[in-house]
């Protein structure tokens, strides 16, 4: 992505200070005991070895179809709700980390990245992280209602180009300030959504993944306090940003390249292109969205180290 080798080495060294040593698994993972050790971090190496073999045999789409979408690895009649494998939920859980990493691996041709993240997916324990407790609680109580809402989003995989059109709708989102969690919802787009037609050539599975991503995003939006989406207000407040600016911060440079990628795809879109998305103010959206967001990010970061915006979050009791 353009970061210097020395900067990468610096952060590798910094991160290694708190990384834990590799744990040898008690036994190998097979088709027989695959589900029995889900959520157990002692089996990370075993799951990685298992998926290295599966990936070589079936490729990316075959691996996802079997170990993420199949009924066998989601719901089993002889198990109660607390012991179900729910691999699709795991794939979209933990703020989409698996989805994002698998997308990067698919788009950039790095099979090891896909394998390693599949292994992390299997050892992830469900619902035991305080940082995600609000989201997990919300989905446990209201997940059915959120899913019913997501089902109203029409996706017709029989129509040529339908998946790509729906991905376009997702990309045209904005926000003047993003929390670290909501930022991941947006950053998940750059490679992960782009890789869906490649990773999942079966249209029905691709549409299921898109709808699941939509439902989970709705859940995070609610959990973070319904931050507003004022499209017209955003465009009114950022007209001064449509001029040349210099980029110095290396991390800002990475963010700017992400915006540049989207600007290259949609920069020529005129107002009214997205008017049928049913978002209030969508008729004001045009290709300058990503330039505005890039300039706004630079303006915000140029004032030094600043905390994530807490605006719109629910007040803790």
C-alpha atoms as a PDB file:
ATOM      1  CA  UNK A   1       0.000   0.000   0.000  1.00  0.00           C
ATOM      2  CA  UNK A   2       3.027   2.232  -0.280  1.00  0.00           C
ATOM      3  CA  UNK A   3       4.294   2.254   3.317  1.00  0.00           C
ATOM      4  CA  UNK A   4       8.078   2.180   3.651  1.00  0.00           C
ATOM      5  CA  UNK A   5       9.783  -1.044   4.709  1.00  0.00           C
ATOM      6  CA  UNK A   6      11.439   0.655   7.672  1.00  0.00           C
ATOM      7  CA  UNK A   7       8.075   1.824   9.023  1.00  0.00           C
ATOM      8  CA  UNK A   8       6.629  -1.685   8.709  1.00  0.00           C
ATOM      9  CA  UNK A   9       9.661  -3.166  10.480  1.00  0.00           C
ATOM     10  CA  UNK A  10       9.285  -0.605  13.252  1.00  0.00           C
ATOM     11  CA  UNK A  11       5.726  -1.629  13.981  1.00  0.00           C
ATOM     12  CA  UNK A  12       6.520  -5.333  13.670  1.00  0.00           C
ATOM     13  CA  UNK A  13       9.133  -4.839  16.375  1.00  0.00           C
ATOM     14  CA  UNK A  14       6.736  -2.811  18.522  1.00  0.00           C
ATOM     15  CA  UNK A  15       3.962  -5.393  18.221  1.00  0.00           C
ATOM     16  CA  UNK A  16       6.258  -8.338  18.966  1.00  0.00           C
ATOM     17  CA  UNK A  17       6.630  -7.084  22.543  1.00  0.00           C
ATOM     18  CA  UNK A  18       3.129  -8.249  23.456  1.00  0.00           C
ATOM     19  CA  UNK A  19       2.601 -11.131  21.043  1.00  0.00           C
ATOM     20  CA  UNK A  20       2.299 -14.527  22.659  1.00  0.00           C
ATOM     21  CA  UNK A  21       4.411 -17.559  21.716  1.00  0.00           C
ATOM     22  CA  UNK A  22       2.951 -20.236  19.449  1.00  0.00           C
ATOM     23  CA  UNK A  23       1.113 -22.974  21.344  1.00  0.00           C
ATOM     24  CA  UNK A  24       1.434 -26.541  20.116  1.00  0.00           C
ATOM     25  CA  UNK A  25      -2.093 -27.978  19.776  1.00  0.00           C
ATOM     26  CA  UNK A  26      -3.077 -31.075  21.772  1.00  0.00           C
ATOM     27  CA  UNK A  27      -4.156 -32.798  18.542  1.00  0.00           C
ATOM     28  CA  UNK A  28      -4.661 -32.182  14.851  1.00  0.00           C
ATOM     29  CA  UNK A  29      -7.925 -30.760  13.511  1.00  0.00           C
ATOM     30  CA  UNK A  30      -9.870 -33.055  11.178  1.00  0.00           C
ATOM     31  CA  UNK A  31     -13.359 -33.144   9.680  1.00  0.00           C
ATOM     32  CA  UNK A  32     -14.358 -35.301  12.655  1.00  0.00           C
ATOM     33  CA  UNK A  33     -13.312 -32.969  15.488  1.00  0.00           C
ATOM     34  CA  UNK A  34     -13.533 -29.622  13.624  1.00  0.00           C
ATOM     35  CA  UNK A  35     -16.511 -28.302  15.601  1.00  0.00           C
ATOM     36  CA  UNK A  36     -15.437 -29.678  18.981  1.00  0.00           C
ATOM     37  CA  UNK A  37     -12.553 -27.227  19.371  1.00  0.00           C
ATOM     38  CA  UNK A  38     -14.150 -24.037  18.063  1.00  0.00           C
ATOM     39  CA  UNK A  39     -13.338 -21.111  20.347  1.00  0.00           C
ATOM     40  CA  UNK A  40     -10.240 -22.783  21.814  1.00  0.00           C
ATOM     41  CA  UNK A  41      -7.160 -20.671  21.076  1.00  0.00           C
ATOM     42  CA  UNK A  42      -4.872 -23.632  21.835  1.00  0.00           C
ATOM     43  CA  UNK A  43      -5.877 -25.056  18.449  1.00  0.00           C
ATOM     44  CA  UNK A  44      -4.890 -22.096  16.276  1.00  0.00           C
ATOM     45  CA  UNK A  45      -1.911 -23.908  14.723  1.00  0.00           C
ATOM     46  CA  UNK A  46      -4.029 -27.004  14.150  1.00  0.00           C
ATOM     47  CA  UNK A  47      -6.790 -25.030  12.397  1.00  0.00           C
ATOM     48  CA  UNK A  48      -4.186 -23.251  10.278  1.00  0.00           C
ATOM     49  CA  UNK A  49      -2.717 -26.587   9.145  1.00  0.00           C
ATOM     50  CA  UNK A  50      -6.225 -27.886   8.420  1.00  0.00           C
ATOM     51  CA  UNK A  51      -7.163 -24.903   6.258  1.00  0.00           C
ATOM     52  CA  UNK A  52      -3.829 -24.912   4.444  1.00  0.00           C
ATOM     53  CA  UNK A  53      -4.778 -28.351   3.163  1.00  0.00           C
ATOM     54  CA  UNK A  54      -8.424 -27.470   2.456  1.00  0.00           C
ATOM     55  CA  UNK A  55      -7.496 -24.262   0.610  1.00  0.00           C
ATOM     56  CA  UNK A  56      -5.075 -26.128  -1.670  1.00  0.00           C
ATOM     57  CA  UNK A  57      -7.747 -28.716  -2.461  1.00  0.00           C
ATOM     58  CA  UNK A  58     -10.818 -26.493  -2.899  1.00  0.00           C
ATOM     59  CA  UNK A  59      -9.594 -22.963  -3.494  1.00  0.00           C
ATOM     60  CA  UNK A  60     -11.089 -19.845  -1.942  1.00  0.00           C
ATOM     61  CA  UNK A  61     -14.675 -20.105  -3.176  1.00  0.00           C
ATOM     62  CA  UNK A  62     -14.927 -23.803  -2.328  1.00  0.00           C
ATOM     63  CA  UNK A  63     -13.545 -23.220   1.159  1.00  0.00           C
ATOM     64  CA  UNK A  64     -15.943 -20.353   1.865  1.00  0.00           C
ATOM     65  CA  UNK A  65     -18.921 -22.230   0.442  1.00  0.00           C
ATOM     66  CA  UNK A  66     -18.321 -25.221   2.720  1.00  0.00           C
ATOM     67  CA  UNK A  67     -16.889 -23.698   5.909  1.00  0.00           C
ATOM     68  CA  UNK A  68     -18.803 -20.409   6.052  1.00  0.00           C
ATOM     69  CA  UNK A  69     -22.114 -20.851   4.223  1.00  0.00           C
ATOM     70  CA  UNK A  70     -23.069 -24.527   4.419  1.00  0.00           C
ATOM     71  CA  UNK A  71     -25.794 -25.613   6.835  1.00  0.00           C
ATOM     72  CA  UNK A  72     -23.445 -28.260   8.250  1.00  0.00           C
ATOM     73  CA  UNK A  73     -21.123 -25.621   9.688  1.00  0.00           C
ATOM     74  CA  UNK A  74     -23.813 -23.269  10.905  1.00  0.00           C
ATOM     75  CA  UNK A  75     -26.677 -25.215  12.479  1.00  0.00           C
ATOM     76  CA  UNK A  76     -26.784 -28.844  13.577  1.00  0.00           C
ATOM     77  CA  UNK A  77     -30.031 -30.371  14.744  1.00  0.00           C
ATOM     78  CA  UNK A  78     -28.482 -32.327  17.626  1.00  0.00           C
ATOM     79  CA  UNK A  79     -26.937 -29.202  19.218  1.00  0.00           C
ATOM     80  CA  UNK A  80     -28.537 -26.491  21.310  1.00  0.00           C
ATOM     81  CA  UNK A  81     -28.224 -22.793  20.467  1.00  0.00           C
ATOM     82  CA  UNK A  82     -25.170 -22.215  22.686  1.00  0.00           C
ATOM     83  CA  UNK A  83     -23.061 -24.889  20.955  1.00  0.00           C
ATOM     84  CA  UNK A  84     -23.930 -24.239  17.311  1.00  0.00           C
ATOM     85  CA  UNK A  85     -20.898 -23.607  15.056  1.00  0.00           C
ATOM     86  CA  UNK A  86     -22.530 -20.537  13.374  1.00  0.00           C
ATOM     87  CA  UNK A  87     -19.601 -20.012  11.004  1.00  0.00           C
ATOM     88  CA  UNK A  88     -21.376 -17.318   8.971  1.00  0.00           C
ATOM     89  CA  UNK A  89     -21.918 -15.315  12.161  1.00  0.00           C
ATOM     90  CA  UNK A  90     -18.260 -15.797  13.101  1.00  0.00           C
ATOM     91  CA  UNK A  91     -17.183 -14.659   9.643  1.00  0.00           C
ATOM     92  CA  UNK A  92     -19.034 -11.351  10.014  1.00  0.00           C
ATOM     93  CA  UNK A  93     -18.411 -11.000  13.751  1.00  0.00           C
ATOM     94  CA  UNK A  94     -15.586  -9.303  15.637  1.00  0.00           C
ATOM     95  CA  UNK A  95     -16.193  -6.140  13.592  1.00  0.00           C
ATOM     96  CA  UNK A  96     -15.674  -7.909  10.242  1.00  0.00           C
ATOM     97  CA  UNK A  97     -11.985  -8.671  10.824  1.00  0.00           C
ATOM     98  CA  UNK A  98     -12.214 -12.070   9.120  1.00  0.00           C
ATOM     99  CA  UNK A  99     -14.244 -10.638   6.245  1.00  0.00           C
ATOM    100  CA  UNK A 100     -11.741  -7.814   5.736  1.00  0.00           C
ATOM    101  CA  UNK A 101      -8.648 -10.031   5.891  1.00  0.00           C
ATOM    102  CA  UNK A 102     -10.085 -12.715   3.629  1.00  0.00           C
ATOM    103  CA  UNK A 103     -11.069  -9.966   1.184  1.00  0.00           C
ATOM    104  CA  UNK A 104      -7.544  -8.559   1.162  1.00  0.00           C
ATOM    105  CA  UNK A 105      -6.085 -12.025   0.710  1.00  0.00           C
ATOM    106  CA  UNK A 106      -8.414 -12.746  -2.207  1.00  0.00           C
ATOM    107  CA  UNK A 107      -7.904  -9.407  -3.942  1.00  0.00           C
ATOM    108  CA  UNK A 108      -4.126  -9.334  -3.511  1.00  0.00           C
ATOM    109  CA  UNK A 109      -3.481 -13.038  -4.112  1.00  0.00           C
ATOM    110  CA  UNK A 110      -2.159 -13.887  -0.639  1.00  0.00           C
ATOM    111  CA  UNK A 111      -3.518 -17.350   0.242  1.00  0.00           C
ATOM    112  CA  UNK A 112      -1.609 -17.421   3.536  1.00  0.00           C
ATOM    113  CA  UNK A 113      -3.585 -14.412   4.733  1.00  0.00           C
ATOM    114  CA  UNK A 114      -6.852 -16.221   3.990  1.00  0.00           C
ATOM    115  CA  UNK A 115      -5.681 -19.400   5.760  1.00  0.00           C
ATOM    116  CA  UNK A 116      -4.426 -17.590   8.858  1.00  0.00           C
ATOM    117  CA  UNK A 117      -7.600 -15.613   9.224  1.00  0.00           C
ATOM    118  CA  UNK A 118      -9.746 -18.704   8.822  1.00  0.00           C
ATOM    119  CA  UNK A 119      -7.777 -20.216  11.686  1.00  0.00           C
ATOM    120  CA  UNK A 120      -8.334 -17.126  13.845  1.00  0.00           C
ATOM    121  CA  UNK A 121     -12.001 -17.326  12.934  1.00  0.00           C
ATOM    122  CA  UNK A 122     -12.300 -20.815  14.405  1.00  0.00           C
ATOM    123  CA  UNK A 123     -10.612 -19.982  17.727  1.00  0.00           C
ATOM    124  CA  UNK A 124     -12.606 -16.789  18.289  1.00  0.00           C
ATOM    125  CA  UNK A 125     -14.807 -17.245  21.339  1.00  0.00           C
ATOM    126  CA  UNK A 126     -18.327 -15.924  20.915  1.00  0.00           C
ATOM    127  CA  UNK A 127     -19.567 -13.002  23.016  1.00  0.00           C
ATOM    128  CA  UNK A 128     -16.763 -12.804  25.584  1.00  0.00           C
ATOM    129  CA  UNK A 129     -15.140  -9.470  24.757  1.00  0.00           C
ATOM    130  CA  UNK A 130     -16.210  -6.460  26.741  1.00  0.00           C
ATOM    131  CA  UNK A 131     -15.597  -4.080  23.844  1.00  0.00           C
ATOM    132  CA  UNK A 132     -18.242  -5.898  21.804  1.00  0.00           C
ATOM    133  CA  UNK A 133     -20.710  -6.625  24.597  1.00  0.00           C
ATOM    134  CA  UNK A 134     -23.152  -3.890  23.556  1.00  0.00           C
ATOM    135  CA  UNK A 135     -23.274  -5.145  19.970  1.00  0.00           C
ATOM    136  CA  UNK A 136     -23.532  -8.803  21.008  1.00  0.00           C
ATOM    137  CA  UNK A 137     -26.324  -8.003  23.455  1.00  0.00           C
ATOM    138  CA  UNK A 138     -28.190  -5.964  20.878  1.00  0.00           C
ATOM    139  CA  UNK A 139     -28.015  -8.701  18.257  1.00  0.00           C
ATOM    140  CA  UNK A 140     -29.052 -11.382  20.740  1.00  0.00           C
ATOM    141  CA  UNK A 141     -32.160  -9.407  21.693  1.00  0.00           C
ATOM    142  CA  UNK A 142     -33.057  -7.677  18.435  1.00  0.00           C
ATOM    143  CA  UNK A 143     -31.140  -9.589  15.762  1.00  0.00           C
ATOM    144  CA  UNK A 144     -34.317 -11.036  14.231  1.00  0.00           C
ATOM    145  CA  UNK A 145     -35.829  -7.560  13.785  1.00  0.00           C
ATOM    146  CA  UNK A 146     -32.611  -6.225  12.253  1.00  0.00           C
ATOM    147  CA  UNK A 147     -32.452  -9.172   9.865  1.00  0.00           C
ATOM    148  CA  UNK A 148     -36.078  -8.634   8.807  1.00  0.00           C
ATOM    149  CA  UNK A 149     -35.175  -5.028   8.029  1.00  0.00           C
ATOM    150  CA  UNK A 150     -32.138  -6.154   6.022  1.00  0.00           C
ATOM    151  CA  UNK A 151     -34.341  -8.535   4.037  1.00  0.00           C
ATOM    152  CA  UNK A 152     -36.210  -5.529   2.658  1.00  0.00           C
ATOM    153  CA  UNK A 153     -33.044  -4.596   0.755  1.00  0.00           C
ATOM    154  CA  UNK A 154     -33.743  -6.114  -2.652  1.00  0.00           C
ATOM    155  CA  UNK A 155     -30.944  -8.115  -4.271  1.00  0.00           C
ATOM    156  CA  UNK A 156     -31.744 -10.041  -7.439  1.00  0.00           C
ATOM    157  CA  UNK A 157     -28.704 -12.219  -8.246  1.00  0.00           C
ATOM    158  CA  UNK A 158     -30.319 -13.307 -11.520  1.00  0.00           C
ATOM    159  CA  UNK A 159     -29.793  -9.819 -12.950  1.00  0.00           C
ATOM    160  CA  UNK A 160     -26.383  -9.292 -14.635  1.00  0.00           C
ATOM    161  CA  UNK A 161     -24.198  -6.902 -12.654  1.00  0.00           C
ATOM    162  CA  UNK A 162     -26.571  -6.853  -9.659  1.00  0.00           C
ATOM    163  CA  UNK A 163     -23.897  -7.684  -7.057  1.00  0.00           C
ATOM    164  CA  UNK A 164     -21.580  -4.979  -8.381  1.00  0.00           C
ATOM    165  CA  UNK A 165     -24.438  -2.415  -8.333  1.00  0.00           C
ATOM    166  CA  UNK A 166     -25.250  -3.195  -4.706  1.00  0.00           C
ATOM    167  CA  UNK A 167     -21.589  -2.887  -3.788  1.00  0.00           C
ATOM    168  CA  UNK A 168     -21.590   0.552  -5.433  1.00  0.00           C
ATOM    169  CA  UNK A 169     -24.483   1.593  -3.186  1.00  0.00           C
ATOM    170  CA  UNK A 170     -22.533   0.504  -0.129  1.00  0.00           C
ATOM    171  CA  UNK A 171     -19.450   2.474  -1.067  1.00  0.00           C
ATOM    172  CA  UNK A 172     -21.303   5.757  -1.348  1.00  0.00           C
ATOM    173  CA  UNK A 173     -21.468   6.359   2.380  1.00  0.00           C
ATOM    174  CA  UNK A 174     -19.934   9.217   4.338  1.00  0.00           C
ATOM    175  CA  UNK A 175     -19.429  10.662   7.781  1.00  0.00           C
ATOM    176  CA  UNK A 176     -17.734  13.793   9.035  1.00  0.00           C
ATOM    177  CA  UNK A 177     -16.392  11.926  12.076  1.00  0.00           C
ATOM    178  CA  UNK A 178     -16.016   8.175  12.568  1.00  0.00           C
ATOM    179  CA  UNK A 179     -15.368   6.128  15.685  1.00  0.00           C
ATOM    180  CA  UNK A 180     -12.738   3.395  15.412  1.00  0.00           C
ATOM    181  CA  UNK A 181     -15.522   0.821  15.110  1.00  0.00           C
ATOM    182  CA  UNK A 182     -17.553   2.635  12.467  1.00  0.00           C
ATOM    183  CA  UNK A 183     -14.330   3.370  10.560  1.00  0.00           C
ATOM    184  CA  UNK A 184     -13.876  -0.384  10.143  1.00  0.00           C
ATOM    185  CA  UNK A 185     -17.314  -0.628   8.546  1.00  0.00           C
ATOM    186  CA  UNK A 186     -16.089   1.750   5.857  1.00  0.00           C
ATOM    187  CA  UNK A 187     -12.550   0.349   5.546  1.00  0.00           C
ATOM    188  CA  UNK A 188     -14.006  -3.109   5.029  1.00  0.00           C
ATOM    189  CA  UNK A 189     -15.187  -1.962   1.610  1.00  0.00           C
ATOM    190  CA  UNK A 190     -11.954  -1.220  -0.140  1.00  0.00           C
ATOM    191  CA  UNK A 191     -10.910  -4.817  -0.814  1.00  0.00           C
ATOM    192  CA  UNK A 192     -13.442  -7.077   0.845  1.00  0.00           C
ATOM    193  CA  UNK A 193     -16.509  -5.927  -1.071  1.00  0.00           C
ATOM    194  CA  UNK A 194     -14.505  -5.720  -4.278  1.00  0.00           C
ATOM    195  CA  UNK A 195     -13.467  -9.359  -3.875  1.00  0.00           C
ATOM    196  CA  UNK A 196     -16.987 -10.752  -3.449  1.00  0.00           C
ATOM    197  CA  UNK A 197     -17.673 -11.512  -7.144  1.00  0.00           C
ATOM    198  CA  UNK A 198     -14.252 -13.236  -7.377  1.00  0.00           C
ATOM    199  CA  UNK A 199     -14.355 -15.097  -4.071  1.00  0.00           C
ATOM    200  CA  UNK A 200     -18.013 -16.136  -4.425  1.00  0.00           C
ATOM    201  CA  UNK A 201     -18.912 -16.656  -8.083  1.00  0.00           C
ATOM    202  CA  UNK A 202     -22.112 -18.379  -6.929  1.00  0.00           C
ATOM    203  CA  UNK A 203     -24.509 -15.401  -7.011  1.00  0.00           C
ATOM    204  CA  UNK A 204     -26.835 -16.625  -4.260  1.00  0.00           C
ATOM    205  CA  UNK A 205     -23.937 -16.927  -1.809  1.00  0.00           C
ATOM    206  CA  UNK A 206     -22.627 -13.494  -2.775  1.00  0.00           C
ATOM    207  CA  UNK A 207     -26.047 -11.942  -2.149  1.00  0.00           C
ATOM    208  CA  UNK A 208     -26.281 -13.746   1.222  1.00  0.00           C
ATOM    209  CA  UNK A 209     -22.911 -12.314   2.211  1.00  0.00           C
ATOM    210  CA  UNK A 210     -23.944  -8.801   1.164  1.00  0.00           C
ATOM    211  CA  UNK A 211     -27.200  -9.024   3.103  1.00  0.00           C
ATOM    212  CA  UNK A 212     -25.416 -10.399   6.169  1.00  0.00           C
ATOM    213  CA  UNK A 213     -22.886  -7.562   5.981  1.00  0.00           C
ATOM    214  CA  UNK A 214     -25.754  -5.083   5.713  1.00  0.00           C
ATOM    215  CA  UNK A 215     -27.530  -6.538   8.760  1.00  0.00           C
ATOM    216  CA  UNK A 216     -24.352  -6.520  10.870  1.00  0.00           C
ATOM    217  CA  UNK A 217     -23.591  -2.943   9.826  1.00  0.00           C
ATOM    218  CA  UNK A 218     -27.092  -1.908  10.871  1.00  0.00           C
ATOM    219  CA  UNK A 219     -26.461  -3.575  14.227  1.00  0.00           C
ATOM    220  CA  UNK A 220     -23.241  -1.623  14.760  1.00  0.00           C
ATOM    221  CA  UNK A 221     -24.928   1.603  13.684  1.00  0.00           C
ATOM    222  CA  UNK A 222     -27.632   1.097  16.324  1.00  0.00           C
ATOM    223  CA  UNK A 223     -25.123  -0.031  18.960  1.00  0.00           C
ATOM    224  CA  UNK A 224     -23.030   3.114  18.413  1.00  0.00           C
ATOM    225  CA  UNK A 225     -25.962   5.439  19.032  1.00  0.00           C
ATOM    226  CA  UNK A 226     -27.561   6.024  15.597  1.00  0.00           C
ATOM    227  CA  UNK A 227     -24.935   8.504  14.265  1.00  0.00           C
ATOM    228  CA  UNK A 228     -26.668  10.738  11.757  1.00  0.00           C
ATOM    229  CA  UNK A 229     -26.201  10.551   7.985  1.00  0.00           C
ATOM    230  CA  UNK A 230     -26.730  14.120   6.835  1.00  0.00           C
ATOM    231  CA  UNK A 231     -25.646  13.965   3.204  1.00  0.00           C
ATOM    232  CA  UNK A 232     -26.710  17.482   2.223  1.00  0.00           C
ATOM    233  CA  UNK A 233     -25.220  18.942   5.392  1.00  0.00           C
ATOM    234  CA  UNK A 234     -21.950  17.139   4.731  1.00  0.00           C
ATOM    235  CA  UNK A 235     -21.678  18.556   1.217  1.00  0.00           C
ATOM    236  CA  UNK A 236     -22.563  22.058   2.425  1.00  0.00           C
ATOM    237  CA  UNK A 237     -19.928  21.910   5.173  1.00  0.00           C
ATOM    238  CA  UNK A 238     -17.099  20.612   2.979  1.00  0.00           C
ATOM    239  CA  UNK A 239     -17.234  22.769  -0.145  1.00  0.00           C
ATOM    240  CA  UNK A 240     -14.104  24.622   1.056  1.00  0.00           C
ATOM    241  CA  UNK A 241     -12.116  21.360   0.924  1.00  0.00           C
ATOM    242  CA  UNK A 242     -12.218  20.999  -2.869  1.00  0.00           C
ATOM    243  CA  UNK A 243      -8.767  22.509  -3.379  1.00  0.00           C
ATOM    244  CA  UNK A 244      -5.186  21.239  -3.468  1.00  0.00           C
ATOM    245  CA  UNK A 245      -3.611  20.094  -0.209  1.00  0.00           C
ATOM    246  CA  UNK A 246      -0.361  18.418   0.868  1.00  0.00           C
ATOM    247  CA  UNK A 247      -0.119  15.084   2.675  1.00  0.00           C
ATOM    248  CA  UNK A 248       2.729  14.413   5.132  1.00  0.00           C
ATOM    249  CA  UNK A 249       1.589  11.878   7.753  1.00  0.00           C
ATOM    250  CA  UNK A 250       2.367   8.332   6.467  1.00  0.00           C
ATOM    251  CA  UNK A 251      -0.803   6.923   8.012  1.00  0.00           C
ATOM    252  CA  UNK A 252      -2.822   9.727   6.510  1.00  0.00           C
ATOM    253  CA  UNK A 253      -1.202   8.852   3.203  1.00  0.00           C
ATOM    254  CA  UNK A 254      -2.625   5.315   3.432  1.00  0.00           C
ATOM    255  CA  UNK A 255      -6.096   6.651   4.174  1.00  0.00           C
ATOM    256  CA  UNK A 256      -5.835   9.103   1.296  1.00  0.00           C
ATOM    257  CA  UNK A 257      -4.921   6.313  -1.109  1.00  0.00           C
ATOM    258  CA  UNK A 258      -8.065   4.451  -0.068  1.00  0.00           C
ATOM    259  CA  UNK A 259     -10.130   7.534  -0.910  1.00  0.00           C
ATOM    260  CA  UNK A 260      -8.182   7.915  -4.161  1.00  0.00           C
ATOM    261  CA  UNK A 261      -9.115   4.361  -5.134  1.00  0.00           C
ATOM    262  CA  UNK A 262     -12.819   5.105  -4.728  1.00  0.00           C
ATOM    263  CA  UNK A 263     -12.452   8.496  -6.390  1.00  0.00           C
ATOM    264  CA  UNK A 264     -10.957   6.786  -9.451  1.00  0.00           C
ATOM    265  CA  UNK A 265     -14.071   4.591  -9.620  1.00  0.00           C
ATOM    266  CA  UNK A 266     -16.765   7.153  -8.873  1.00  0.00           C
ATOM    267  CA  UNK A 267     -15.183  10.589  -9.226  1.00  0.00           C
ATOM    268  CA  UNK A 268     -16.995  11.317 -12.481  1.00  0.00           C
ATOM    269  CA  UNK A 269     -20.466  10.490 -11.123  1.00  0.00           C
ATOM    270  CA  UNK A 270     -22.778  13.485 -11.255  1.00  0.00           C
ATOM    271  CA  UNK A 271     -25.442  14.531  -8.775  1.00  0.00           C
ATOM    272  CA  UNK A 272     -28.526  12.389  -9.015  1.00  0.00           C
ATOM    273  CA  UNK A 273     -26.757   9.121  -9.842  1.00  0.00           C
ATOM    274  CA  UNK A 274     -27.632   7.647  -6.436  1.00  0.00           C
ATOM    275  CA  UNK A 275     -31.003   9.337  -6.005  1.00  0.00           C
ATOM    276  CA  UNK A 276     -32.840   5.987  -6.022  1.00  0.00           C
ATOM    277  CA  UNK A 277     -31.033   4.547  -2.981  1.00  0.00           C
ATOM    278  CA  UNK A 278     -33.817   5.900  -0.705  1.00  0.00           C
ATOM    279  CA  UNK A 279     -31.283   7.699   1.516  1.00  0.00           C
ATOM    280  CA  UNK A 280     -32.392  11.180   2.474  1.00  0.00           C
ATOM    281  CA  UNK A 281     -30.294  13.694   0.565  1.00  0.00           C
ATOM    282  CA  UNK A 282     -28.811  11.051  -1.779  1.00  0.00           C
ATOM    283  CA  UNK A 283     -29.683  13.242  -4.753  1.00  0.00           C
ATOM    284  CA  UNK A 284     -26.826  15.519  -3.619  1.00  0.00           C
ATOM    285  CA  UNK A 285     -24.194  12.790  -3.825  1.00  0.00           C
ATOM    286  CA  UNK A 286     -21.646  13.173  -6.581  1.00  0.00           C
ATOM    287  CA  UNK A 287     -18.113  12.042  -7.314  1.00  0.00           C
ATOM    288  CA  UNK A 288     -16.552  14.728  -5.134  1.00  0.00           C
ATOM    289  CA  UNK A 289     -17.578  12.764  -2.020  1.00  0.00           C
ATOM    290  CA  UNK A 290     -14.229  11.022  -1.657  1.00  0.00           C
ATOM    291  CA  UNK A 291     -12.149  14.153  -2.275  1.00  0.00           C
ATOM    292  CA  UNK A 292     -14.181  15.912   0.418  1.00  0.00           C
ATOM    293  CA  UNK A 293     -13.708  13.025   2.836  1.00  0.00           C
ATOM    294  CA  UNK A 294      -9.967  12.909   2.131  1.00  0.00           C
ATOM    295  CA  UNK A 295      -9.548  16.639   2.726  1.00  0.00           C
ATOM    296  CA  UNK A 296     -11.693  16.504   5.845  1.00  0.00           C
ATOM    297  CA  UNK A 297      -9.598  13.645   7.233  1.00  0.00           C
ATOM    298  CA  UNK A 298      -6.415  15.597   6.606  1.00  0.00           C
ATOM    299  CA  UNK A 299      -7.877  18.687   8.251  1.00  0.00           C
ATOM    300  CA  UNK A 300      -8.888  16.665  11.303  1.00  0.00           C
ATOM    301  CA  UNK A 301      -5.539  14.844  11.624  1.00  0.00           C
ATOM    302  CA  UNK A 302      -3.388  17.898  10.983  1.00  0.00           C
ATOM    303  CA  UNK A 303      -4.322  19.259  14.393  1.00  0.00           C
ATOM    304  CA  UNK A 304      -2.172  16.598  16.072  1.00  0.00           C
ATOM    305  CA  UNK A 305      -3.089  13.432  17.947  1.00  0.00           C
ATOM    306  CA  UNK A 306      -6.798  13.485  18.632  1.00  0.00           C
ATOM    307  CA  UNK A 307      -9.076  10.852  20.168  1.00  0.00           C
ATOM    308  CA  UNK A 308     -11.791   9.104  18.202  1.00  0.00           C
ATOM    309  CA  UNK A 309     -14.950  11.126  18.075  1.00  0.00           C
ATOM    310  CA  UNK A 310     -17.504   9.990  20.654  1.00  0.00           C
ATOM    311  CA  UNK A 311     -20.284  12.077  19.150  1.00  0.00           C
ATOM    312  CA  UNK A 312     -23.554  10.188  18.814  1.00  0.00           C
ATOM    313  CA  UNK A 313     -22.577   7.357  21.178  1.00  0.00           C
ATOM    314  CA  UNK A 314     -24.978   6.103  23.809  1.00  0.00           C
ATOM    315  CA  UNK A 315     -24.286   7.491  27.278  1.00  0.00           C
ATOM    316  CA  UNK A 316     -22.888   4.902  29.665  1.00  0.00           C
ATOM    317  CA  UNK A 317     -24.912   4.431  32.834  1.00  0.00           C
END
